[in-house]
């Protein structure tokens, strides 16, 4: 098994697990309307998209498009918002954090599409 195949298998596992976590978080969010679950869902969804983009880029485009900056930046942003959720738990703080996360995620996706 080559290193590309191992990397592909790991990206498939990462994308699948984070997508399932994201779907579960959004499912619970639709019932409870807790901003913490929304932030977790967006973060895990972003990481799932990063895994899928990495899988496509590594196997089909072979580096013709430069998406590594997006992959690393999106993961850092997602993990940062998960970390920031742990700092304070007030509803107002989480509401503001949710808005900031949506802004950063949309900006990242726009920059990816412009690449």
PDB file of N, CA and C in Angstrom:
ATOM      1  N   UNK A   1       0.856  -1.174   0.000  1.00  0.00           N
ATOM      2  CA  UNK A   1       0.000   0.000   0.000  1.00  0.00           C
ATOM      3  C   UNK A   1       0.904   1.240   0.000  1.00  0.00           C
ATOM      4  N   UNK A   2       0.625   2.161  -0.909  1.00  0.00           N
ATOM      5  CA  UNK A   2       1.448   3.356  -1.029  1.00  0.00           C
ATOM      6  C   UNK A   2       1.024   4.417  -0.022  1.00  0.00           C
ATOM      7  N   UNK A   3       1.864   5.421   0.127  1.00  0.00           N
ATOM      8  CA  UNK A   3       1.535   6.492   1.073  1.00  0.00           C
ATOM      9  C   UNK A   3       0.319   7.292   0.606  1.00  0.00           C
ATOM     10  N   UNK A   4       0.114   7.424  -0.694  1.00  0.00           N
ATOM     11  CA  UNK A   4      -1.067   8.129  -1.209  1.00  0.00           C
ATOM     12  C   UNK A   4      -2.340   7.368  -0.864  1.00  0.00           C
ATOM     13  N   UNK A   5      -2.306   6.056  -0.949  1.00  0.00           N
ATOM     14  CA  UNK A   5      -3.473   5.244  -0.597  1.00  0.00           C
ATOM     15  C   UNK A   5      -3.784   5.343   0.893  1.00  0.00           C
ATOM     16  N   UNK A   6      -2.745   5.329   1.715  1.00  0.00           N
ATOM     17  CA  UNK A   6      -2.945   5.460   3.161  1.00  0.00           C
ATOM     18  C   UNK A   6      -3.529   6.835   3.489  1.00  0.00           C
ATOM     19  N   UNK A   7      -2.980   7.880   2.858  1.00  0.00           N
ATOM     20  CA  UNK A   7      -3.499   9.230   3.068  1.00  0.00           C
ATOM     21  C   UNK A   7      -4.956   9.322   2.629  1.00  0.00           C
ATOM     22  N   UNK A   8      -5.285   8.711   1.519  1.00  0.00           N
ATOM     23  CA  UNK A   8      -6.665   8.728   1.024  1.00  0.00           C
ATOM     24  C   UNK A   8      -7.610   8.028   2.000  1.00  0.00           C
ATOM     25  N   UNK A   9      -7.186   6.888   2.521  1.00  0.00           N
ATOM     26  CA  UNK A   9      -8.024   6.175   3.493  1.00  0.00           C
ATOM     27  C   UNK A   9      -8.238   6.996   4.760  1.00  0.00           C
ATOM     28  N   UNK A  10      -7.179   7.665   5.217  1.00  0.00           N
ATOM     29  CA  UNK A  10      -7.315   8.508   6.406  1.00  0.00           C
ATOM     30  C   UNK A  10      -8.233   9.698   6.148  1.00  0.00           C
ATOM     31  N   UNK A  11      -8.131  10.301   4.957  1.00  0.00           N
ATOM     32  CA  UNK A  11      -9.017  11.425   4.619  1.00  0.00           C
ATOM     33  C   UNK A  11     -10.466  10.973   4.506  1.00  0.00           C
ATOM     34  N   UNK A  12     -10.688   9.777   3.968  1.00  0.00           N
ATOM     35  CA  UNK A  12     -12.056   9.240   3.894  1.00  0.00           C
ATOM     36  C   UNK A  12     -12.614   9.032   5.295  1.00  0.00           C
ATOM     37  N   UNK A  13     -11.809   8.462   6.176  1.00  0.00           N
ATOM     38  CA  UNK A  13     -12.252   8.239   7.554  1.00  0.00           C
ATOM     39  C   UNK A  13     -12.532   9.565   8.255  1.00  0.00           C
ATOM     40  N   UNK A  14     -11.628  10.534   8.093  1.00  0.00           N
ATOM     41  CA  UNK A  14     -11.808  11.845   8.723  1.00  0.00           C
ATOM     42  C   UNK A  14     -13.072  12.523   8.217  1.00  0.00           C
ATOM     43  N   UNK A  15     -13.249  12.536   6.915  1.00  0.00           N
ATOM     44  CA  UNK A  15     -14.415  13.211   6.334  1.00  0.00           C
ATOM     45  C   UNK A  15     -15.710  12.540   6.768  1.00  0.00           C
ATOM     46  N   UNK A  16     -15.726  11.220   6.803  1.00  0.00           N
ATOM     47  CA  UNK A  16     -16.930  10.492   7.202  1.00  0.00           C
ATOM     48  C   UNK A  16     -17.282  10.754   8.660  1.00  0.00           C
ATOM     49  N   UNK A  17     -16.301  10.645   9.534  1.00  0.00           N
ATOM     50  CA  UNK A  17     -16.558  10.829  10.969  1.00  0.00           C
ATOM     51  C   UNK A  17     -16.989  12.261  11.270  1.00  0.00           C
ATOM     52  N   UNK A  18     -16.285  13.232  10.706  1.00  0.00           N
ATOM     53  CA  UNK A  18     -16.647  14.628  10.997  1.00  0.00           C
ATOM     54  C   UNK A  18     -17.984  14.997  10.373  1.00  0.00           C
ATOM     55  N   UNK A  19     -18.310  14.414   9.221  1.00  0.00           N
ATOM     56  CA  UNK A  19     -19.625  14.665   8.617  1.00  0.00           C
ATOM     57  C   UNK A  19     -20.737  14.098   9.489  1.00  0.00           C
ATOM     58  N   UNK A  20     -20.533  12.913  10.027  1.00  0.00           N
ATOM     59  CA  UNK A  20     -21.536  12.318  10.919  1.00  0.00           C
ATOM     60  C   UNK A  20     -21.701  13.138  12.203  1.00  0.00           C
ATOM     61  N   UNK A  21     -20.588  13.617  12.759  1.00  0.00           N
ATOM     62  CA  UNK A  21     -20.668  14.472  13.951  1.00  0.00           C
ATOM     63  C   UNK A  21     -21.419  15.760  13.626  1.00  0.00           C
ATOM     64  N   UNK A  22     -21.135  16.327  12.456  1.00  0.00           N
ATOM     65  CA  UNK A  22     -21.801  17.556  12.043  1.00  0.00           C
ATOM     66  C   UNK A  22     -23.303  17.342  11.878  1.00  0.00           C
ATOM     67  N   UNK A  23     -23.686  16.269  11.224  1.00  0.00           N
ATOM     68  CA  UNK A  23     -25.114  15.986  11.041  1.00  0.00           C
ATOM     69  C   UNK A  23     -25.825  15.761  12.375  1.00  0.00           C
ATOM     70  N   UNK A  24     -25.156  15.063  13.281  1.00  0.00           N
ATOM     71  CA  UNK A  24     -25.745  14.829  14.614  1.00  0.00           C
ATOM     72  C   UNK A  24     -25.881  16.142  15.386  1.00  0.00           C
ATOM     73  N   UNK A  25     -24.863  17.004  15.307  1.00  0.00           N
ATOM     74  CA  UNK A  25     -24.914  18.287  16.006  1.00  0.00           C
ATOM     75  C   UNK A  25     -26.043  19.156  15.457  1.00  0.00           C
ATOM     76  N   UNK A  26     -26.197  19.194  14.125  1.00  0.00           N
ATOM     77  CA  UNK A  26     -27.291  19.989  13.540  1.00  0.00           C
ATOM     78  C   UNK A  26     -28.655  19.385  13.861  1.00  0.00           C
ATOM     79  N   UNK A  27     -28.717  18.065  13.956  1.00  0.00           N
ATOM     80  CA  UNK A  27     -29.971  17.412  14.344  1.00  0.00           C
ATOM     81  C   UNK A  27     -30.370  17.816  15.765  1.00  0.00           C
ATOM     82  N   UNK A  28     -29.409  17.777  16.673  1.00  0.00           N
ATOM     83  CA  UNK A  28     -29.689  18.189  18.056  1.00  0.00           C
ATOM     84  C   UNK A  28     -29.962  19.687  18.134  1.00  0.00           C
ATOM     85  N   UNK A  29     -29.274  20.471  17.308  1.00  0.00           N
ATOM     86  CA  UNK A  29     -29.506  21.919  17.294  1.00  0.00           C
ATOM     87  C   UNK A  29     -30.935  22.237  16.867  1.00  0.00           C
ATOM     88  N   UNK A  30     -31.459  21.477  15.913  1.00  0.00           N
ATOM     89  CA  UNK A  30     -32.827  21.744  15.464  1.00  0.00           C
ATOM     90  C   UNK A  30     -33.843  21.487  16.572  1.00  0.00           C
ATOM     91  N   UNK A  31     -33.500  20.647  17.517  1.00  0.00           N
ATOM     92  CA  UNK A  31     -34.397  20.377  18.641  1.00  0.00           C
ATOM     93  C   UNK A  31     -34.192  21.360  19.789  1.00  0.00           C
ATOM     94  N   UNK A  32     -32.932  21.669  20.094  1.00  0.00           N
ATOM     95  CA  UNK A  32     -32.647  22.439  21.307  1.00  0.00           C
ATOM     96  C   UNK A  32     -32.353  23.912  21.070  1.00  0.00           C
ATOM     97  N   UNK A  33     -31.925  24.262  19.848  1.00  0.00           N
ATOM     98  CA  UNK A  33     -31.544  25.644  19.499  1.00  0.00           C
ATOM     99  C   UNK A  33     -30.389  26.163  20.361  1.00  0.00           C
ATOM    100  N   UNK A  34     -29.467  25.281  20.734  1.00  0.00           N
ATOM    101  CA  UNK A  34     -28.293  25.695  21.501  1.00  0.00           C
ATOM    102  C   UNK A  34     -27.183  26.087  20.532  1.00  0.00           C
ATOM    103  N   UNK A  35     -26.661  27.293  20.720  1.00  0.00           N
ATOM    104  CA  UNK A  35     -25.637  27.815  19.823  1.00  0.00           C
ATOM    105  C   UNK A  35     -24.368  26.970  19.839  1.00  0.00           C
ATOM    106  N   UNK A  36     -24.085  26.341  20.953  1.00  0.00           N
ATOM    107  CA  UNK A  36     -22.907  25.484  21.058  1.00  0.00           C
ATOM    108  C   UNK A  36     -22.969  24.347  20.037  1.00  0.00           C
ATOM    109  N   UNK A  37     -24.127  23.756  19.872  1.00  0.00           N
ATOM    110  CA  UNK A  37     -24.286  22.674  18.897  1.00  0.00           C
ATOM    111  C   UNK A  37     -24.153  23.181  17.465  1.00  0.00           C
ATOM    112  N   UNK A  38     -24.637  24.380  17.219  1.00  0.00           N
ATOM    113  CA  UNK A  38     -24.498  24.967  15.891  1.00  0.00           C
ATOM    114  C   UNK A  38     -23.025  25.198  15.557  1.00  0.00           C
ATOM    115  N   UNK A  39     -22.280  25.747  16.510  1.00  0.00           N
ATOM    116  CA  UNK A  39     -20.858  26.002  16.302  1.00  0.00           C
ATOM    117  C   UNK A  39     -20.113  24.686  16.056  1.00  0.00           C
ATOM    118  N   UNK A  40     -20.438  23.665  16.829  1.00  0.00           N
ATOM    119  CA  UNK A  40     -19.822  22.356  16.632  1.00  0.00           C
ATOM    120  C   UNK A  40     -20.179  21.789  15.262  1.00  0.00           C
ATOM    121  N   UNK A  41     -21.439  21.930  14.851  1.00  0.00           N
ATOM    122  CA  UNK A  41     -21.865  21.425  13.552  1.00  0.00           C
ATOM    123  C   UNK A  41     -21.157  22.100  12.396  1.00  0.00           C
ATOM    124  N   UNK A  42     -21.026  23.422  12.466  1.00  0.00           N
ATOM    125  CA  UNK A  42     -20.329  24.147  11.396  1.00  0.00           C
ATOM    126  C   UNK A  42     -18.847  23.778  11.381  1.00  0.00           C
ATOM    127  N   UNK A  43     -18.243  23.673  12.551  1.00  0.00           N
ATOM    128  CA  UNK A  43     -16.821  23.321  12.620  1.00  0.00           C
ATOM    129  C   UNK A  43     -16.566  21.931  12.050  1.00  0.00           C
ATOM    130  N   UNK A  44     -17.348  20.966  12.454  1.00  0.00           N
ATOM    131  CA  UNK A  44     -17.159  19.607  11.967  1.00  0.00           C
ATOM    132  C   UNK A  44     -17.520  19.502  10.487  1.00  0.00           C
ATOM    133  N   UNK A  45     -18.523  20.241  10.043  1.00  0.00           N
ATOM    134  CA  UNK A  45     -18.871  20.260   8.624  1.00  0.00           C
ATOM    135  C   UNK A  45     -17.751  20.846   7.783  1.00  0.00           C
ATOM    136  N   UNK A  46     -17.125  21.895   8.294  1.00  0.00           N
ATOM    137  CA  UNK A  46     -15.999  22.506   7.584  1.00  0.00           C
ATOM    138  C   UNK A  46     -14.831  21.541   7.497  1.00  0.00           C
ATOM    139  N   UNK A  47     -14.558  20.837   8.567  1.00  0.00           N
ATOM    140  CA  UNK A  47     -13.464  19.862   8.561  1.00  0.00           C
ATOM    141  C   UNK A  47     -13.783  18.705   7.603  1.00  0.00           C
ATOM    142  N   UNK A  48     -15.053  18.323   7.509  1.00  0.00           N
ATOM    143  CA  UNK A  48     -15.451  17.284   6.546  1.00  0.00           C
ATOM    144  C   UNK A  48     -15.223  17.766   5.115  1.00  0.00           C
ATOM    145  N   UNK A  49     -15.585  19.009   4.835  1.00  0.00           N
ATOM    146  CA  UNK A  49     -15.364  19.571   3.500  1.00  0.00           C
ATOM    147  C   UNK A  49     -13.873  19.626   3.188  1.00  0.00           C
ATOM    148  N   UNK A  50     -13.073  19.987   4.182  1.00  0.00           N
ATOM    149  CA  UNK A  50     -11.620  20.028   4.004  1.00  0.00           C
ATOM    150  C   UNK A  50     -11.094  18.636   3.640  1.00  0.00           C
ATOM    151  N   UNK A  51     -11.594  17.615   4.301  1.00  0.00           N
ATOM    152  CA  UNK A  51     -11.161  16.251   3.993  1.00  0.00           C
ATOM    153  C   UNK A  51     -11.541  15.838   2.584  1.00  0.00           C
ATOM    154  N   UNK A  52     -12.751  16.186   2.170  1.00  0.00           N
ATOM    155  CA  UNK A  52     -13.203  15.841   0.822  1.00  0.00           C
ATOM    156  C   UNK A  52     -12.384  16.592  -0.223  1.00  0.00           C
ATOM    157  N   UNK A  53     -12.129  17.875   0.009  1.00  0.00           N
ATOM    158  CA  UNK A  53     -11.311  18.656  -0.920  1.00  0.00           C
ATOM    159  C   UNK A  53      -9.889  18.088  -0.993  1.00  0.00           C
ATOM    160  N   UNK A  54      -9.349  17.701   0.150  1.00  0.00           N
ATOM    161  CA  UNK A  54      -8.020  17.093   0.160  1.00  0.00           C
ATOM    162  C   UNK A  54      -7.984  15.794  -0.618  1.00  0.00           C
ATOM    163  N   UNK A  55      -9.008  14.993  -0.474  1.00  0.00           N
ATOM    164  CA  UNK A  55      -9.094  13.725  -1.190  1.00  0.00           C
ATOM    165  C   UNK A  55      -9.173  13.951  -2.695  1.00  0.00           C
ATOM    166  N   UNK A  56     -10.007  14.886  -3.105  1.00  0.00           N
ATOM    167  CA  UNK A  56     -10.151  15.188  -4.533  1.00  0.00           C
ATOM    168  C   UNK A  56      -8.863  15.791  -5.088  1.00  0.00           C
ATOM    169  N   UNK A  57      -8.304  16.741  -4.364  1.00  0.00           N
ATOM    170  CA  UNK A  57      -7.093  17.419  -4.847  1.00  0.00           C
ATOM    171  C   UNK A  57      -5.915  16.459  -4.963  1.00  0.00           C
ATOM    172  N   UNK A  58      -5.717  15.624  -3.964  1.00  0.00           N
ATOM    173  CA  UNK A  58      -4.562  14.721  -3.972  1.00  0.00           C
ATOM    174  C   UNK A  58      -4.677  13.628  -5.036  1.00  0.00           C
ATOM    175  N   UNK A  59      -5.890  13.156  -5.286  1.00  0.00           N
ATOM    176  CA  UNK A  59      -6.051  12.010  -6.183  1.00  0.00           C
ATOM    177  C   UNK A  59      -6.379  12.375  -7.626  1.00  0.00           C
ATOM    178  N   UNK A  60      -7.068  13.473  -7.843  1.00  0.00           N
ATOM    179  CA  UNK A  60      -7.528  13.768  -9.195  1.00  0.00           C
ATOM    180  C   UNK A  60      -6.826  14.961  -9.841  1.00  0.00           C
ATOM    181  N   UNK A  61      -6.482  15.949  -9.047  1.00  0.00           N
ATOM    182  CA  UNK A  61      -5.838  17.117  -9.624  1.00  0.00           C
ATOM    183  C   UNK A  61      -4.331  17.115  -9.418  1.00  0.00           C
ATOM    184  N   UNK A  62      -3.851  16.276  -8.532  1.00  0.00           N
ATOM    185  CA  UNK A  62      -2.415  16.093  -8.271  1.00  0.00           C
ATOM    186  C   UNK A  62      -1.667  17.413  -8.113  1.00  0.00           C
ATOM    187  N   UNK A  63      -2.255  18.308  -7.320  1.00  0.00           N
ATOM    188  CA  UNK A  63      -1.573  19.549  -7.005  1.00  0.00           C
ATOM    189  C   UNK A  63      -1.685  20.641  -8.048  1.00  0.00           C
ATOM    190  N   UNK A  64      -2.556  20.489  -9.047  1.00  0.00           N
ATOM    191  CA  UNK A  64      -2.723  21.545 -10.050  1.00  0.00           C
ATOM    192  C   UNK A  64      -3.374  22.781  -9.452  1.00  0.00           C
ATOM    193  N   UNK A  65      -4.232  22.548  -8.468  1.00  0.00           N
ATOM    194  CA  UNK A  65      -4.853  23.650  -7.746  1.00  0.00           C
ATOM    195  C   UNK A  65      -4.247  23.705  -6.349  1.00  0.00           C
ATOM    196  N   UNK A  66      -3.992  24.894  -5.881  1.00  0.00           N
ATOM    197  CA  UNK A  66      -3.389  25.039  -4.563  1.00  0.00           C
ATOM    198  C   UNK A  66      -4.489  25.187  -3.516  1.00  0.00           C
ATOM    199  N   UNK A  67      -4.857  24.080  -2.889  1.00  0.00           N
ATOM    200  CA  UNK A  67      -5.895  24.120  -1.857  1.00  0.00           C
ATOM    201  C   UNK A  67      -5.345  23.865  -0.467  1.00  0.00           C
ATOM    202  N   UNK A  68      -4.045  23.641  -0.357  1.00  0.00           N
ATOM    203  CA  UNK A  68      -3.488  23.352   0.971  1.00  0.00           C
ATOM    204  C   UNK A  68      -3.668  24.526   1.921  1.00  0.00           C
ATOM    205  N   UNK A  69      -3.545  25.746   1.426  1.00  0.00           N
ATOM    206  CA  UNK A  69      -3.753  26.916   2.280  1.00  0.00           C
ATOM    207  C   UNK A  69      -5.170  26.899   2.847  1.00  0.00           C
ATOM    208  N   UNK A  70      -6.149  26.533   2.010  1.00  0.00           N
ATOM    209  CA  UNK A  70      -7.535  26.473   2.484  1.00  0.00           C
ATOM    210  C   UNK A  70      -7.709  25.354   3.489  1.00  0.00           C
ATOM    211  N   UNK A  71      -7.128  24.210   3.206  1.00  0.00           N
ATOM    212  CA  UNK A  71      -7.294  23.068   4.091  1.00  0.00           C
ATOM    213  C   UNK A  71      -6.759  23.358   5.485  1.00  0.00           C
ATOM    214  N   UNK A  72      -5.568  23.929   5.557  1.00  0.00           N
ATOM    215  CA  UNK A  72      -4.970  24.207   6.869  1.00  0.00           C
ATOM    216  C   UNK A  72      -5.672  25.371   7.570  1.00  0.00           C
ATOM    217  N   UNK A  73      -5.976  26.411   6.826  1.00  0.00           N
ATOM    218  CA  UNK A  73      -6.632  27.574   7.429  1.00  0.00           C
ATOM    219  C   UNK A  73      -8.023  27.221   7.936  1.00  0.00           C
ATOM    220  N   UNK A  74      -8.789  26.474   7.162  1.00  0.00           N
ATOM    221  CA  UNK A  74     -10.143  26.092   7.573  1.00  0.00           C
ATOM    222  C   UNK A  74     -10.118  25.205   8.818  1.00  0.00           C
ATOM    223  N   UNK A  75      -9.149  24.306   8.897  1.00  0.00           N
ATOM    224  CA  UNK A  75      -9.043  23.471  10.093  1.00  0.00           C
ATOM    225  C   UNK A  75      -8.671  24.303  11.308  1.00  0.00           C
ATOM    226  N   UNK A  76      -7.740  25.236  11.138  1.00  0.00           N
ATOM    227  CA  UNK A  76      -7.345  26.094  12.260  1.00  0.00           C
ATOM    228  C   UNK A  76      -8.528  26.921  12.737  1.00  0.00           C
ATOM    229  N   UNK A  77      -9.267  27.502  11.804  1.00  0.00           N
ATOM    230  CA  UNK A  77     -10.443  28.304  12.175  1.00  0.00           C
ATOM    231  C   UNK A  77     -11.481  27.441  12.890  1.00  0.00           C
ATOM    232  N   UNK A  78     -11.738  26.250  12.377  1.00  0.00           N
ATOM    233  CA  UNK A  78     -12.733  25.365  12.992  1.00  0.00           C
ATOM    234  C   UNK A  78     -12.332  24.953  14.397  1.00  0.00           C
ATOM    235  N   UNK A  79     -11.093  24.529  14.568  1.00  0.00           N
ATOM    236  CA  UNK A  79     -10.634  24.126  15.898  1.00  0.00           C
ATOM    237  C   UNK A  79     -10.573  25.312  16.862  1.00  0.00           C
ATOM    238  N   UNK A  80     -10.275  26.491  16.333  1.00  0.00           N
ATOM    239  CA  UNK A  80     -10.252  27.683  17.186  1.00  0.00           C
ATOM    240  C   UNK A  80     -11.634  27.982  17.740  1.00  0.00           C
ATOM    241  N   UNK A  81     -12.662  27.863  16.912  1.00  0.00           N
ATOM    242  CA  UNK A  81     -14.012  28.137  17.399  1.00  0.00           C
ATOM    243  C   UNK A  81     -14.483  27.071  18.379  1.00  0.00           C
ATOM    244  N   UNK A  82     -14.068  25.835  18.183  1.00  0.00           N
ATOM    245  CA  UNK A  82     -14.398  24.800  19.180  1.00  0.00           C
ATOM    246  C   UNK A  82     -13.708  25.133  20.498  1.00  0.00           C
ATOM    247  N   UNK A  83     -12.455  25.571  20.444  1.00  0.00           N
ATOM    248  CA  UNK A  83     -11.733  25.969  21.647  1.00  0.00           C
ATOM    249  C   UNK A  83     -12.391  27.173  22.322  1.00  0.00           C
ATOM    250  N   UNK A  84     -12.786  28.166  21.526  1.00  0.00           N
ATOM    251  CA  UNK A  84     -13.405  29.363  22.098  1.00  0.00           C
ATOM    252  C   UNK A  84     -14.732  29.050  22.788  1.00  0.00           C
ATOM    253  N   UNK A  85     -15.421  28.020  22.343  1.00  0.00           N
ATOM    254  CA  UNK A  85     -16.662  27.602  23.012  1.00  0.00           C
ATOM    255  C   UNK A  85     -16.406  27.136  24.434  1.00  0.00           C
ATOM    256  N   UNK A  86     -15.229  26.592  24.660  1.00  0.00           N
ATOM    257  CA  UNK A  86     -14.899  26.062  25.986  1.00  0.00           C
ATOM    258  C   UNK A  86     -14.528  27.157  26.974  1.00  0.00           C
ATOM    259  N   UNK A  87     -14.240  28.352  26.493  1.00  0.00           N
ATOM    260  CA  UNK A  87     -13.797  29.420  27.388  1.00  0.00           C
ATOM    261  C   UNK A  87     -14.928  30.007  28.224  1.00  0.00           C
ATOM    262  N   UNK A  88     -16.046  30.280  27.589  1.00  0.00           N
ATOM    263  CA  UNK A  88     -17.203  30.842  28.307  1.00  0.00           C
ATOM    264  C   UNK A  88     -18.460  30.182  27.787  1.00  0.00           C
ATOM    265  N   UNK A  89     -19.483  30.147  28.616  1.00  0.00           N
ATOM    266  CA  UNK A  89     -20.702  29.451  28.202  1.00  0.00           C
ATOM    267  C   UNK A  89     -21.941  30.341  28.213  1.00  0.00           C
ATOM    268  N   UNK A  90     -21.773  31.639  28.344  1.00  0.00           N
ATOM    269  CA  UNK A  90     -22.959  32.498  28.342  1.00  0.00           C
ATOM    270  C   UNK A  90     -23.589  32.510  26.959  1.00  0.00           C
ATOM    271  N   UNK A  91     -24.889  32.653  26.921  1.00  0.00           N
ATOM    272  CA  UNK A  91     -25.622  32.610  25.659  1.00  0.00           C
ATOM    273  C   UNK A  91     -25.237  33.759  24.742  1.00  0.00           C
ATOM    274  N   UNK A  92     -25.051  34.923  25.289  1.00  0.00           N
ATOM    275  CA  UNK A  92     -24.677  36.078  24.466  1.00  0.00           C
ATOM    276  C   UNK A  92     -23.302  35.872  23.824  1.00  0.00           C
ATOM    277  N   UNK A  93     -22.367  35.336  24.591  1.00  0.00           N
ATOM    278  CA  UNK A  93     -21.028  35.046  24.070  1.00  0.00           C
ATOM    279  C   UNK A  93     -21.110  34.032  22.935  1.00  0.00           C
ATOM    280  N   UNK A  94     -21.871  32.957  23.134  1.00  0.00           N
ATOM    281  CA  UNK A  94     -21.993  31.929  22.106  1.00  0.00           C
ATOM    282  C   UNK A  94     -22.712  32.460  20.868  1.00  0.00           C
ATOM    283  N   UNK A  95     -23.664  33.350  21.057  1.00  0.00           N
ATOM    284  CA  UNK A  95     -24.382  33.943  19.925  1.00  0.00           C
ATOM    285  C   UNK A  95     -23.421  34.790  19.075  1.00  0.00           C
ATOM    286  N   UNK A  96     -22.589  35.597  19.743  1.00  0.00           N
ATOM    287  CA  UNK A  96     -21.601  36.398  19.011  1.00  0.00           C
ATOM    288  C   UNK A  96     -20.564  35.514  18.330  1.00  0.00           C
ATOM    289  N   UNK A  97     -20.158  34.464  19.024  1.00  0.00           N
ATOM    290  CA  UNK A  97     -19.197  33.524  18.467  1.00  0.00           C
ATOM    291  C   UNK A  97     -19.760  32.832  17.221  1.00  0.00           C
ATOM    292  N   UNK A  98     -21.041  32.508  17.264  1.00  0.00           N
ATOM    293  CA  UNK A  98     -21.700  31.889  16.119  1.00  0.00           C
ATOM    294  C   UNK A  98     -21.679  32.818  14.908  1.00  0.00           C
ATOM    295  N   UNK A  99     -21.946  34.093  15.126  1.00  0.00           N
ATOM    296  CA  UNK A  99     -21.916  35.065  14.027  1.00  0.00           C
ATOM    297  C   UNK A  99     -20.519  35.193  13.431  1.00  0.00           C
ATOM    298  N   UNK A 100     -19.517  35.272  14.308  1.00  0.00           N
ATOM    299  CA  UNK A 100     -18.142  35.381  13.831  1.00  0.00           C
ATOM    300  C   UNK A 100     -17.729  34.131  13.057  1.00  0.00           C
ATOM    301  N   UNK A 101     -18.142  32.980  13.532  1.00  0.00           N
ATOM    302  CA  UNK A 101     -17.796  31.739  12.842  1.00  0.00           C
ATOM    303  C   UNK A 101     -18.423  31.696  11.454  1.00  0.00           C
ATOM    304  N   UNK A 102     -19.674  32.089  11.353  1.00  0.00           N
ATOM    305  CA  UNK A 102     -20.319  32.114  10.042  1.00  0.00           C
ATOM    306  C   UNK A 102     -19.602  33.066   9.091  1.00  0.00           C
ATOM    307  N   UNK A 103     -19.196  34.214   9.593  1.00  0.00           N
ATOM    308  CA  UNK A 103     -18.472  35.186   8.777  1.00  0.00           C
ATOM    309  C   UNK A 103     -17.156  34.603   8.277  1.00  0.00           C
ATOM    310  N   UNK A 104     -16.367  34.018   9.172  1.00  0.00           N
ATOM    311  CA  UNK A 104     -15.081  33.444   8.784  1.00  0.00           C
ATOM    312  C   UNK A 104     -15.258  32.274   7.818  1.00  0.00           C
ATOM    313  N   UNK A 105     -16.254  31.441   8.051  1.00  0.00           N
ATOM    314  CA  UNK A 105     -16.478  30.288   7.183  1.00  0.00           C
ATOM    315  C   UNK A 105     -16.892  30.730   5.785  1.00  0.00           C
ATOM    316  N   UNK A 106     -17.772  31.706   5.703  1.00  0.00           N
ATOM    317  CA  UNK A 106     -18.191  32.215   4.391  1.00  0.00           C
ATOM    318  C   UNK A 106     -17.009  32.857   3.668  1.00  0.00           C
ATOM    319  N   UNK A 107     -16.203  33.631   4.384  1.00  0.00           N
ATOM    320  CA  UNK A 107     -15.023  34.245   3.763  1.00  0.00           C
ATOM    321  C   UNK A 107     -14.046  33.187   3.244  1.00  0.00           C
ATOM    322  N   UNK A 108     -13.845  32.134   4.006  1.00  0.00           N
ATOM    323  CA  UNK A 108     -12.961  31.049   3.556  1.00  0.00           C
ATOM    324  C   UNK A 108     -13.510  30.381   2.303  1.00  0.00           C
ATOM    325  N   UNK A 109     -14.810  30.141   2.273  1.00  0.00           N
ATOM    326  CA  UNK A 109     -15.394  29.484   1.102  1.00  0.00           C
ATOM    327  C   UNK A 109     -15.342  30.390  -0.126  1.00  0.00           C
ATOM    328  N   UNK A 110     -15.551  31.683   0.066  1.00  0.00           N
ATOM    329  CA  UNK A 110     -15.444  32.616  -1.058  1.00  0.00           C
ATOM    330  C   UNK A 110     -14.016  32.640  -1.594  1.00  0.00           C
ATOM    331  N   UNK A 111     -13.040  32.676  -0.698  1.00  0.00           N
ATOM    332  CA  UNK A 111     -11.642  32.663  -1.142  1.00  0.00           C
ATOM    333  C   UNK A 111     -11.306  31.355  -1.857  1.00  0.00           C
ATOM    334  N   UNK A 112     -11.876  30.238  -1.408  1.00  0.00           N
ATOM    335  CA  UNK A 112     -11.642  28.959  -2.084  1.00  0.00           C
ATOM    336  C   UNK A 112     -12.222  28.991  -3.500  1.00  0.00           C
ATOM    337  N   UNK A 113     -13.420  29.530  -3.635  1.00  0.00           N
ATOM    338  CA  UNK A 113     -14.043  29.580  -4.950  1.00  0.00           C
ATOM    339  C   UNK A 113     -13.304  30.521  -5.892  1.00  0.00           C
ATOM    340  N   UNK A 114     -12.674  31.542  -5.361  1.00  0.00           N
ATOM    341  CA  UNK A 114     -11.916  32.468  -6.191  1.00  0.00           C
ATOM    342  C   UNK A 114     -10.542  31.928  -6.597  1.00  0.00           C
ATOM    343  N   UNK A 115     -10.139  30.836  -5.962  1.00  0.00           N
ATOM    344  CA  UNK A 115      -8.811  30.273  -6.250  1.00  0.00           C
ATOM    345  C   UNK A 115      -8.790  29.616  -7.598  1.00  0.00           C
TER     346      UNK A 115
END
